[in-house]
Amino acid sequence: MIETVEDAEQLMSAAPKLWLLFDTGHLLAAGSDPMQVFDKPILRNRIGHVHLKNFHANDPQSWNHRTQKFGEQGRFAELGAGNVGLDVEAVLSALAEVGYEG
């Protein structure tokens, strides 16, 4: 299963013609920082589509997608309604920097 920035980097290395669906909510839910995508040339240069959403955990300090139930203790949230640190402005700026036009 591809959940983290590291997982995506491994997959993109193995499949050089594949494009990335950059999903901020899924990355946050898996405990990754979506901004890390822009630190990895293999990822930032192959963003084909974006799902911009937030994530809310009942207890953000202890949220663990492997041990807690998604939908009960954590869930996707509208922009501005999350509590795990998504910086929407930074994501949009980084997308513009890499030339994403989707």
Protein backbone atom coordinates (compact mmCIF):
# COMPACT_ATOMS: atom_id res chain seq x y z
CA MET A 1 0.00 0.00 0.00
CA ILE A 2 1.29 3.48 -0.86
CA GLU A 3 0.68 5.76 2.12
CA THR A 4 3.72 7.87 2.91
CA VAL A 5 6.11 10.15 1.04
CA GLU A 6 8.72 7.39 1.29
CA ASP A 7 6.31 4.85 -0.23
CA ALA A 8 5.55 7.23 -3.10
CA GLU A 9 9.25 7.85 -3.71
CA GLN A 10 9.92 4.10 -3.96
CA LEU A 11 7.02 3.57 -6.35
CA MET A 12 7.95 6.49 -8.58
CA SER A 13 11.53 5.23 -8.76
CA ALA A 14 10.29 1.83 -9.91
CA ALA A 15 7.77 3.25 -12.40
CA PRO A 16 9.37 6.19 -14.24
CA LYS A 17 6.32 6.85 -16.45
CA LEU A 18 3.88 7.05 -13.55
CA TRP A 19 2.44 10.39 -12.41
CA LEU A 20 1.69 11.22 -8.80
CA LEU A 21 -1.75 11.91 -7.36
CA PHE A 22 -0.72 14.36 -4.63
CA ASP A 23 -3.32 13.89 -1.88
CA THR A 24 -2.67 16.04 1.18
CA GLY A 25 -5.38 14.36 3.28
CA HIS A 26 -4.09 10.85 2.72
CA LEU A 27 -0.51 11.88 3.45
CA LEU A 28 -1.59 13.59 6.67
CA ALA A 29 -3.67 10.58 7.70
CA ALA A 30 -0.61 8.35 7.23
CA GLY A 31 1.51 10.63 9.39
CA SER A 32 3.46 12.23 6.54
CA ASP A 33 4.05 15.91 5.91
CA PRO A 34 2.71 16.73 2.42
CA MET A 35 5.36 19.44 2.04
CA GLN A 36 8.03 16.71 1.93
CA VAL A 37 6.81 15.89 -1.59
CA PHE A 38 8.40 19.13 -2.74
CA ASP A 39 11.77 18.13 -1.26
CA LYS A 40 11.94 15.09 -3.55
CA PRO A 41 12.59 15.88 -7.25
CA ILE A 42 11.19 12.50 -8.30
CA LEU A 43 7.86 13.49 -6.72
CA ARG A 44 7.56 17.24 -7.18
CA ASN A 45 8.31 17.02 -10.90
CA ARG A 46 5.66 14.35 -11.53
CA ILE A 47 2.53 15.71 -9.84
CA GLY A 48 -0.28 14.89 -12.25
CA HIS A 49 -3.31 15.59 -10.07
CA VAL A 50 -4.01 17.11 -6.65
CA HIS A 51 -6.55 16.32 -3.94
CA LEU A 52 -6.32 19.22 -1.50
CA LYS A 53 -7.99 18.28 1.75
CA ASN A 54 -7.27 18.33 5.44
CA PHE A 55 -7.30 15.72 8.21
CA HIS A 56 -8.75 15.83 11.71
CA ALA A 57 -7.74 13.42 14.48
CA ASN A 58 -9.62 13.22 17.75
CA ASP A 59 -6.21 13.26 19.49
CA PRO A 60 -3.63 14.58 17.01
CA GLN A 61 -0.73 13.84 19.37
CA SER A 62 -1.48 10.12 19.48
CA TRP A 63 -3.01 9.58 16.01
CA ASN A 64 -1.58 6.46 14.36
CA HIS A 65 -3.22 5.23 11.17
CA ARG A 66 -1.97 1.69 11.82
CA THR A 67 -3.55 1.29 15.25
CA GLN A 68 -6.56 3.61 15.29
CA LYS A 69 -9.78 3.40 13.33
CA PHE A 70 -10.14 5.80 10.45
CA GLY A 71 -13.62 7.30 10.51
CA GLU A 72 -13.89 6.95 14.26
CA GLN A 73 -10.70 8.49 15.66
CA GLY A 74 -9.57 10.32 12.54
CA ARG A 75 -11.21 11.53 9.34
CA PHE A 76 -10.71 13.74 6.31
CA ALA A 77 -11.75 17.32 6.85
CA GLU A 78 -12.46 20.42 4.80
CA LEU A 79 -9.68 22.94 4.43
CA GLY A 80 -9.36 24.86 7.67
CA ALA A 81 -11.12 22.15 9.69
CA GLY A 82 -8.12 19.87 10.22
CA ASN A 83 -5.89 19.80 13.25
CA VAL A 84 -2.69 18.09 12.14
CA GLY A 85 -0.89 21.07 10.63
CA LEU A 86 -1.74 21.42 6.94
CA ASP A 87 -0.44 24.75 5.65
CA VAL A 88 -2.69 25.29 2.63
CA GLU A 89 -0.95 28.48 1.55
CA ALA A 90 2.45 26.74 1.58
CA VAL A 91 1.07 23.82 -0.47
CA LEU A 92 -0.45 26.17 -3.06
CA SER A 93 2.78 28.18 -3.27
CA ALA A 94 4.86 25.05 -3.72
CA LEU A 95 2.52 23.77 -6.43
CA ALA A 96 2.90 27.07 -8.28
CA GLU A 97 6.69 26.89 -7.85
CA VAL A 98 6.87 23.49 -9.53
CA GLY A 99 4.62 24.69 -12.35
CA TYR A 100 1.56 22.61 -11.55
CA GLU A 101 -1.32 23.96 -13.65
CA GLY A 102 -4.07 21.44 -12.95
